[in-house]
């Protein structure tokens, strides 16, 4: 499996591009491919950051267990009681 680039390298790509270097020159200086420079620049232009903000976290989603649900119910009751007292 291919390792992903660190955010530091991605930001360096952006800084070189914003300083006016070409994609080929940036790729040569940072030892990455020209396609990588274009992809990082495309992400930056679209989202304003170098990592995809909506890319999901891997793994199973955490579900509530009974203890978590009890805490939520208690907090909800406290909120309702405080609203009734302040009215």
C-alpha atoms as a PDB file:
ATOM      1  CA  UNK A   1       0.000   0.000   0.000  1.00  0.00           C
ATOM      2  CA  UNK A   2       1.249   3.468  -0.879  1.00  0.00           C
ATOM      3  CA  UNK A   3       2.048   5.860   1.960  1.00  0.00           C
ATOM      4  CA  UNK A   4       0.197   9.140   1.863  1.00  0.00           C
ATOM      5  CA  UNK A   5       2.023  12.440   1.881  1.00  0.00           C
ATOM      6  CA  UNK A   6       2.316  14.329   5.118  1.00  0.00           C
ATOM      7  CA  UNK A   7       0.454  17.588   5.493  1.00  0.00           C
ATOM      8  CA  UNK A   8       3.812  19.362   5.783  1.00  0.00           C
ATOM      9  CA  UNK A   9       4.820  18.304   2.263  1.00  0.00           C
ATOM     10  CA  UNK A  10       1.390  19.238   0.938  1.00  0.00           C
ATOM     11  CA  UNK A  11       1.640  22.712   2.450  1.00  0.00           C
ATOM     12  CA  UNK A  12       5.134  23.101   1.006  1.00  0.00           C
ATOM     13  CA  UNK A  13       3.674  22.293  -2.416  1.00  0.00           C
ATOM     14  CA  UNK A  14       1.061  25.011  -1.920  1.00  0.00           C
ATOM     15  CA  UNK A  15       3.628  27.567  -0.731  1.00  0.00           C
ATOM     16  CA  UNK A  16       5.870  26.872  -3.741  1.00  0.00           C
ATOM     17  CA  UNK A  17       2.908  27.202  -6.083  1.00  0.00           C
ATOM     18  CA  UNK A  18       1.808  30.471  -4.476  1.00  0.00           C
ATOM     19  CA  UNK A  19       5.365  31.800  -4.762  1.00  0.00           C
ATOM     20  CA  UNK A  20       5.096  31.396  -8.525  1.00  0.00           C
ATOM     21  CA  UNK A  21       6.999  28.187  -9.186  1.00  0.00           C
ATOM     22  CA  UNK A  22       5.674  25.936 -11.940  1.00  0.00           C
ATOM     23  CA  UNK A  23       4.238  22.526 -11.171  1.00  0.00           C
ATOM     24  CA  UNK A  24       7.210  20.814 -12.790  1.00  0.00           C
ATOM     25  CA  UNK A  25       9.721  22.877 -10.813  1.00  0.00           C
ATOM     26  CA  UNK A  26       7.825  22.302  -7.564  1.00  0.00           C
ATOM     27  CA  UNK A  27       7.700  18.567  -8.206  1.00  0.00           C
ATOM     28  CA  UNK A  28      11.432  18.490  -8.933  1.00  0.00           C
ATOM     29  CA  UNK A  29      12.311  20.470  -5.776  1.00  0.00           C
ATOM     30  CA  UNK A  30      10.141  18.391  -3.421  1.00  0.00           C
ATOM     31  CA  UNK A  31      10.752  14.976  -5.027  1.00  0.00           C
ATOM     32  CA  UNK A  32       7.109  14.299  -5.855  1.00  0.00           C
ATOM     33  CA  UNK A  33       5.364  13.742  -9.160  1.00  0.00           C
ATOM     34  CA  UNK A  34       3.780  16.515 -11.193  1.00  0.00           C
ATOM     35  CA  UNK A  35       0.409  14.762 -10.858  1.00  0.00           C
ATOM     36  CA  UNK A  36       0.736  14.963  -7.076  1.00  0.00           C
ATOM     37  CA  UNK A  37       1.359  18.701  -7.316  1.00  0.00           C
ATOM     38  CA  UNK A  38      -1.759  19.120  -9.467  1.00  0.00           C
ATOM     39  CA  UNK A  39      -3.880  16.982  -7.117  1.00  0.00           C
ATOM     40  CA  UNK A  40      -2.768  18.857  -3.995  1.00  0.00           C
ATOM     41  CA  UNK A  41      -3.340  22.185  -5.724  1.00  0.00           C
ATOM     42  CA  UNK A  42      -6.808  21.063  -6.820  1.00  0.00           C
ATOM     43  CA  UNK A  43      -7.675  20.120  -3.228  1.00  0.00           C
ATOM     44  CA  UNK A  44      -6.404  23.480  -1.995  1.00  0.00           C
ATOM     45  CA  UNK A  45      -8.327  25.427  -4.617  1.00  0.00           C
ATOM     46  CA  UNK A  46     -11.544  23.555  -3.863  1.00  0.00           C
ATOM     47  CA  UNK A  47     -11.480  23.400  -0.049  1.00  0.00           C
ATOM     48  CA  UNK A  48      -8.840  25.866   1.123  1.00  0.00           C
ATOM     49  CA  UNK A  49      -6.885  23.143   2.925  1.00  0.00           C
ATOM     50  CA  UNK A  50      -4.628  20.284   1.899  1.00  0.00           C
ATOM     51  CA  UNK A  51      -6.672  17.413   3.316  1.00  0.00           C
ATOM     52  CA  UNK A  52     -10.169  16.481   2.206  1.00  0.00           C
ATOM     53  CA  UNK A  53     -12.487  17.746   4.964  1.00  0.00           C
ATOM     54  CA  UNK A  54     -15.314  15.309   4.223  1.00  0.00           C
ATOM     55  CA  UNK A  55     -13.257  12.159   3.900  1.00  0.00           C
ATOM     56  CA  UNK A  56     -14.513   9.730   6.515  1.00  0.00           C
ATOM     57  CA  UNK A  57     -12.539   8.147   9.287  1.00  0.00           C
ATOM     58  CA  UNK A  58     -11.919   4.465   8.766  1.00  0.00           C
ATOM     59  CA  UNK A  59     -13.315   1.833  11.046  1.00  0.00           C
ATOM     60  CA  UNK A  60     -16.586   0.955  12.645  1.00  0.00           C
ATOM     61  CA  UNK A  61     -18.660   3.821  13.908  1.00  0.00           C
ATOM     62  CA  UNK A  62     -19.021   3.995  17.639  1.00  0.00           C
ATOM     63  CA  UNK A  63     -22.488   3.275  18.915  1.00  0.00           C
ATOM     64  CA  UNK A  64     -24.045   4.268  22.199  1.00  0.00           C
ATOM     65  CA  UNK A  65     -23.973   1.697  24.930  1.00  0.00           C
ATOM     66  CA  UNK A  66     -26.464   1.756  27.803  1.00  0.00           C
ATOM     67  CA  UNK A  67     -24.221   3.951  29.986  1.00  0.00           C
ATOM     68  CA  UNK A  68     -23.909   6.599  27.270  1.00  0.00           C
ATOM     69  CA  UNK A  69     -27.659   6.526  26.712  1.00  0.00           C
ATOM     70  CA  UNK A  70     -28.323   6.968  30.437  1.00  0.00           C
ATOM     71  CA  UNK A  71     -26.043  10.010  30.546  1.00  0.00           C
ATOM     72  CA  UNK A  72     -27.880  11.535  27.565  1.00  0.00           C
ATOM     73  CA  UNK A  73     -31.258  10.945  29.225  1.00  0.00           C
ATOM     74  CA  UNK A  74     -30.074  12.551  32.469  1.00  0.00           C
ATOM     75  CA  UNK A  75     -28.735  15.587  30.607  1.00  0.00           C
ATOM     76  CA  UNK A  76     -32.004  15.896  28.708  1.00  0.00           C
ATOM     77  CA  UNK A  77     -34.046  15.791  31.920  1.00  0.00           C
ATOM     78  CA  UNK A  78     -31.793  18.411  33.518  1.00  0.00           C
ATOM     79  CA  UNK A  79     -32.252  20.662  30.496  1.00  0.00           C
ATOM     80  CA  UNK A  80     -36.042  20.249  30.610  1.00  0.00           C
ATOM     81  CA  UNK A  81     -36.176  20.931  34.357  1.00  0.00           C
ATOM     82  CA  UNK A  82     -34.036  24.068  34.009  1.00  0.00           C
ATOM     83  CA  UNK A  83     -36.299  25.358  31.214  1.00  0.00           C
ATOM     84  CA  UNK A  84     -39.395  24.786  33.343  1.00  0.00           C
ATOM     85  CA  UNK A  85     -37.853  26.569  36.325  1.00  0.00           C
ATOM     86  CA  UNK A  86     -36.786  29.576  34.277  1.00  0.00           C
ATOM     87  CA  UNK A  87     -40.173  30.070  32.630  1.00  0.00           C
END
